[in-house]
Amino acid sequence: MTKAQAKKDLERIRAGIDAVDNGIVKLLAERRAWVLKLAKVKGVLGIPIYDRAREQALIDRVKGWGAEHKLNEEFVEVVFRLIVMNSKEMQYHEAL
């Protein structure tokens, strides 16, 4: 591989990573919309926002799925705990 080819590959790879990052942000925005709908339904039903069992089931599920895709389980757990924490905050402050 020449330096010119390597530079083209670098640009192509970085563009691919940027596209994935944009997709992640789009999915987070989509998740946010679902979370706000969920909070409204919980409010009508009188269901508490925090559900420890549901949260743990989510963490267990995504860790397993992450492991199947060769991701570090601790990394996946940290990312999703942050997402869940933000989701609970949104439910408490924005939807009720």
N, C-alpha and C. Protein backbone atom coordinates (compact mmCIF):
# COMPACT_ATOMS: atom_id res chain seq x y z
N MET A 1 0.85 -1.18 0.00
CA MET A 1 0.00 0.00 0.00
C MET A 1 0.90 1.24 0.00
N THR A 2 0.56 2.15 -0.86
CA THR A 2 1.31 3.41 -0.92
C THR A 2 0.74 4.40 0.10
N LYS A 3 1.51 5.45 0.33
CA LYS A 3 1.02 6.49 1.24
C LYS A 3 -0.24 7.15 0.69
N ALA A 4 -0.30 7.33 -0.61
CA ALA A 4 -1.48 7.94 -1.23
C ALA A 4 -2.71 7.05 -1.01
N GLN A 5 -2.55 5.73 -1.17
CA GLN A 5 -3.65 4.80 -0.93
C GLN A 5 -4.05 4.81 0.54
N ALA A 6 -3.04 4.86 1.42
CA ALA A 6 -3.30 4.87 2.85
C ALA A 6 -4.06 6.14 3.24
N LYS A 7 -3.72 7.27 2.65
CA LYS A 7 -4.42 8.51 2.94
C LYS A 7 -5.88 8.43 2.48
N LYS A 8 -6.11 7.84 1.32
CA LYS A 8 -7.49 7.66 0.83
C LYS A 8 -8.26 6.74 1.78
N ASP A 9 -7.61 5.66 2.19
CA ASP A 9 -8.25 4.73 3.13
C ASP A 9 -8.58 5.43 4.44
N LEU A 10 -7.66 6.24 4.93
CA LEU A 10 -7.87 6.99 6.17
C LEU A 10 -9.11 7.87 6.06
N GLU A 11 -9.21 8.61 4.96
CA GLU A 11 -10.38 9.48 4.74
C GLU A 11 -11.67 8.67 4.66
N ARG A 12 -11.64 7.56 3.95
CA ARG A 12 -12.82 6.70 3.79
C ARG A 12 -13.24 6.11 5.13
N ILE A 13 -12.28 5.65 5.90
CA ILE A 13 -12.56 5.06 7.21
C ILE A 13 -13.12 6.12 8.16
N ARG A 14 -12.53 7.29 8.17
CA ARG A 14 -13.03 8.36 9.04
C ARG A 14 -14.44 8.77 8.64
N ALA A 15 -14.72 8.81 7.35
CA ALA A 15 -16.08 9.13 6.88
C ALA A 15 -17.07 8.06 7.35
N GLY A 16 -16.63 6.81 7.33
CA GLY A 16 -17.48 5.73 7.82
C GLY A 16 -17.76 5.86 9.30
N ILE A 17 -16.74 6.20 10.06
CA ILE A 17 -16.92 6.39 11.51
C ILE A 17 -17.85 7.57 11.77
N ASP A 18 -17.67 8.65 11.02
CA ASP A 18 -18.56 9.81 11.18
C ASP A 18 -20.01 9.43 10.89
N ALA A 19 -20.23 8.63 9.87
CA ALA A 19 -21.60 8.19 9.53
C ALA A 19 -22.19 7.36 10.66
N VAL A 20 -21.40 6.48 11.23
CA VAL A 20 -21.88 5.68 12.36
C VAL A 20 -22.20 6.57 13.54
N ASP A 21 -21.32 7.53 13.84
CA ASP A 21 -21.57 8.46 14.95
C ASP A 21 -22.87 9.23 14.74
N ASN A 22 -23.10 9.69 13.52
CA ASN A 22 -24.35 10.39 13.22
C ASN A 22 -25.55 9.47 13.43
N GLY A 23 -25.40 8.21 13.06
CA GLY A 23 -26.47 7.24 13.27
C GLY A 23 -26.75 7.01 14.74
N ILE A 24 -25.70 6.99 15.55
CA ILE A 24 -25.87 6.82 17.00
C ILE A 24 -26.67 7.99 17.57
N VAL A 25 -26.32 9.21 17.16
CA VAL A 25 -27.04 10.39 17.65
C VAL A 25 -28.50 10.34 17.21
N LYS A 26 -28.73 9.95 15.98
CA LYS A 26 -30.12 9.84 15.48
C LYS A 26 -30.90 8.82 16.30
N LEU A 27 -30.30 7.68 16.60
CA LEU A 27 -30.97 6.66 17.40
C LEU A 27 -31.22 7.14 18.83
N LEU A 28 -30.28 7.89 19.39
CA LEU A 28 -30.50 8.44 20.73
C LEU A 28 -31.68 9.41 20.73
N ALA A 29 -31.81 10.21 19.68
CA ALA A 29 -32.95 11.12 19.58
C ALA A 29 -34.26 10.35 19.44
N GLU A 30 -34.22 9.28 18.67
CA GLU A 30 -35.41 8.43 18.52
C GLU A 30 -35.78 7.78 19.84
N ARG A 31 -34.78 7.32 20.58
CA ARG A 31 -35.02 6.72 21.89
C ARG A 31 -35.64 7.75 22.84
N ARG A 32 -35.14 8.98 22.76
CA ARG A 32 -35.66 10.06 23.60
C ARG A 32 -37.15 10.25 23.37
N ALA A 33 -37.56 10.25 22.12
CA ALA A 33 -38.98 10.42 21.80
C ALA A 33 -39.82 9.29 22.41
N TRP A 34 -39.32 8.07 22.33
CA TRP A 34 -40.03 6.93 22.92
C TRP A 34 -40.09 7.06 24.44
N VAL A 35 -39.00 7.50 25.04
CA VAL A 35 -38.95 7.64 26.50
C VAL A 35 -39.97 8.66 26.98
N LEU A 36 -40.11 9.77 26.26
CA LEU A 36 -41.09 10.78 26.67
C LEU A 36 -42.52 10.25 26.55
N LYS A 37 -42.78 9.47 25.50
CA LYS A 37 -44.10 8.83 25.37
C LYS A 37 -44.34 7.87 26.52
N LEU A 38 -43.31 7.11 26.87
CA LEU A 38 -43.40 6.15 27.97
C LEU A 38 -43.74 6.85 29.28
N ALA A 39 -43.10 7.97 29.53
CA ALA A 39 -43.34 8.71 30.77
C ALA A 39 -44.79 9.16 30.87
N LYS A 40 -45.36 9.60 29.76
CA LYS A 40 -46.75 10.03 29.77
C LYS A 40 -47.69 8.86 30.09
N VAL A 41 -47.42 7.73 29.50
CA VAL A 41 -48.24 6.54 29.76
C VAL A 41 -48.09 6.10 31.22
N LYS A 42 -46.86 6.11 31.71
CA LYS A 42 -46.64 5.77 33.12
C LYS A 42 -47.41 6.72 34.04
N GLY A 43 -47.42 8.01 33.67
CA GLY A 43 -48.15 8.99 34.48
C GLY A 43 -49.64 8.68 34.52
N VAL A 44 -50.21 8.34 33.40
CA VAL A 44 -51.64 8.00 33.34
C VAL A 44 -51.94 6.74 34.16
N LEU A 45 -51.04 5.77 34.07
CA LEU A 45 -51.24 4.50 34.78
C LEU A 45 -50.81 4.55 36.23
N GLY A 46 -50.14 5.62 36.63
CA GLY A 46 -49.67 5.72 38.01
C GLY A 46 -48.51 4.79 38.30
N ILE A 47 -47.73 4.48 37.28
CA ILE A 47 -46.58 3.58 37.41
C ILE A 47 -45.34 4.43 37.71
N PRO A 48 -44.52 4.02 38.68
CA PRO A 48 -43.30 4.79 38.95
C PRO A 48 -42.34 4.78 37.77
N ILE A 49 -41.59 5.84 37.66
CA ILE A 49 -40.61 5.95 36.57
C ILE A 49 -39.52 4.90 36.72
N TYR A 50 -39.01 4.76 37.92
CA TYR A 50 -37.90 3.83 38.15
C TYR A 50 -38.42 2.42 38.36
N ASP A 51 -37.91 1.50 37.56
CA ASP A 51 -38.26 0.08 37.67
C ASP A 51 -36.95 -0.70 37.67
N ARG A 52 -36.49 -1.02 38.87
CA ARG A 52 -35.19 -1.68 39.04
C ARG A 52 -35.09 -2.98 38.23
N ALA A 53 -36.13 -3.79 38.25
CA ALA A 53 -36.08 -5.07 37.54
C ALA A 53 -35.98 -4.85 36.03
N ARG A 54 -36.75 -3.91 35.51
CA ARG A 54 -36.72 -3.61 34.07
C ARG A 54 -35.34 -3.07 33.67
N GLU A 55 -34.79 -2.19 34.49
CA GLU A 55 -33.48 -1.63 34.20
C GLU A 55 -32.41 -2.72 34.18
N GLN A 56 -32.44 -3.61 35.16
CA GLN A 56 -31.44 -4.68 35.20
C GLN A 56 -31.60 -5.64 34.03
N ALA A 57 -32.85 -5.92 33.67
CA ALA A 57 -33.10 -6.79 32.51
C ALA A 57 -32.54 -6.17 31.24
N LEU A 58 -32.70 -4.85 31.09
CA LEU A 58 -32.15 -4.15 29.94
C LEU A 58 -30.63 -4.26 29.92
N ILE A 59 -30.00 -3.99 31.06
CA ILE A 59 -28.54 -4.05 31.14
C ILE A 59 -28.05 -5.46 30.80
N ASP A 60 -28.68 -6.46 31.37
CA ASP A 60 -28.28 -7.85 31.10
C ASP A 60 -28.43 -8.18 29.62
N ARG A 61 -29.54 -7.73 29.03
CA ARG A 61 -29.80 -8.02 27.61
C ARG A 61 -28.76 -7.37 26.71
N VAL A 62 -28.47 -6.08 26.93
CA VAL A 62 -27.53 -5.40 26.04
C VAL A 62 -26.09 -5.87 26.26
N LYS A 63 -25.76 -6.24 27.49
CA LYS A 63 -24.42 -6.80 27.73
C LYS A 63 -24.25 -8.09 26.96
N GLY A 64 -25.27 -8.93 27.00
CA GLY A 64 -25.21 -10.19 26.26
C GLY A 64 -25.12 -9.97 24.76
N TRP A 65 -25.93 -9.04 24.28
CA TRP A 65 -25.92 -8.74 22.85
C TRP A 65 -24.59 -8.13 22.45
N GLY A 66 -24.05 -7.26 23.31
CA GLY A 66 -22.74 -6.68 23.05
C GLY A 66 -21.66 -7.75 22.99
N ALA A 67 -21.70 -8.69 23.92
CA ALA A 67 -20.71 -9.77 23.93
C ALA A 67 -20.78 -10.59 22.64
N GLU A 68 -22.00 -10.82 22.16
CA GLU A 68 -22.17 -11.55 20.89
C GLU A 68 -21.52 -10.80 19.73
N HIS A 69 -21.41 -9.48 19.87
CA HIS A 69 -20.81 -8.66 18.82
C HIS A 69 -19.37 -8.24 19.17
N LYS A 70 -18.79 -8.98 20.10
CA LYS A 70 -17.38 -8.81 20.48
C LYS A 70 -17.08 -7.44 21.10
N LEU A 71 -18.07 -6.91 21.84
CA LEU A 71 -17.86 -5.67 22.58
C LEU A 71 -17.59 -6.01 24.04
N ASN A 72 -16.82 -5.18 24.68
CA ASN A 72 -16.53 -5.34 26.10
C ASN A 72 -17.83 -5.13 26.89
N GLU A 73 -18.20 -6.12 27.69
CA GLU A 73 -19.47 -6.06 28.43
C GLU A 73 -19.50 -4.89 29.40
N GLU A 74 -18.40 -4.58 30.05
CA GLU A 74 -18.36 -3.45 30.98
C GLU A 74 -18.59 -2.13 30.25
N PHE A 75 -18.00 -2.01 29.07
CA PHE A 75 -18.20 -0.81 28.26
C PHE A 75 -19.68 -0.64 27.89
N VAL A 76 -20.29 -1.72 27.43
CA VAL A 76 -21.70 -1.69 27.06
C VAL A 76 -22.55 -1.32 28.27
N GLU A 77 -22.24 -1.90 29.42
CA GLU A 77 -23.00 -1.60 30.63
C GLU A 77 -22.89 -0.11 31.00
N VAL A 78 -21.69 0.43 30.96
CA VAL A 78 -21.50 1.84 31.30
C VAL A 78 -22.28 2.74 30.35
N VAL A 79 -22.19 2.46 29.06
CA VAL A 79 -22.90 3.27 28.07
C VAL A 79 -24.40 3.22 28.34
N PHE A 80 -24.94 2.03 28.56
CA PHE A 80 -26.38 1.93 28.76
C PHE A 80 -26.83 2.44 30.12
N ARG A 81 -26.01 2.36 31.12
CA ARG A 81 -26.38 2.96 32.40
C ARG A 81 -26.49 4.48 32.25
N LEU A 82 -25.60 5.07 31.46
CA LEU A 82 -25.69 6.51 31.19
C LEU A 82 -26.97 6.84 30.41
N ILE A 83 -27.27 6.02 29.42
CA ILE A 83 -28.48 6.23 28.63
C ILE A 83 -29.72 6.12 29.52
N VAL A 84 -29.76 5.10 30.36
CA VAL A 84 -30.90 4.89 31.25
C VAL A 84 -31.01 6.03 32.26
N MET A 85 -29.88 6.46 32.80
CA MET A 85 -29.89 7.56 33.76
C MET A 85 -30.48 8.82 33.10
N ASN A 86 -30.06 9.10 31.89
CA ASN A 86 -30.58 10.25 31.16
C ASN A 86 -32.07 10.07 30.86
N SER A 87 -32.49 8.86 30.55
CA SER A 87 -33.90 8.59 30.26
C SER A 87 -34.77 8.82 31.49
N LYS A 88 -34.28 8.38 32.64
CA LYS A 88 -35.04 8.61 33.87
C LYS A 88 -35.14 10.10 34.17
N GLU A 89 -34.04 10.80 33.98
CA GLU A 89 -34.04 12.24 34.21
C GLU A 89 -35.05 12.94 33.30
N MET A 90 -35.07 12.55 32.03
CA MET A 90 -36.03 13.13 31.09
C MET A 90 -37.46 12.86 31.56
N GLN A 91 -37.70 11.64 31.99
CA GLN A 91 -39.05 11.28 32.42
C GLN A 91 -39.47 12.11 33.63
N TYR A 92 -38.58 12.30 34.56
CA TYR A 92 -38.90 13.06 35.76
C TYR A 92 -39.13 14.55 35.45
N HIS A 93 -38.33 15.11 34.54
CA HIS A 93 -38.33 16.56 34.36
C HIS A 93 -39.08 17.07 33.14
N GLU A 94 -39.19 16.26 32.11
CA GLU A 94 -39.75 16.77 30.86
C GLU A 94 -41.16 16.27 30.56
N ALA A 95 -41.48 15.10 31.02
CA ALA A 95 -42.74 14.50 30.57
C ALA A 95 -43.85 14.55 31.58
N LEU A 96 -43.53 14.78 32.84
CA LEU A 96 -44.59 14.74 33.85
C LEU A 96 -45.03 16.13 34.25
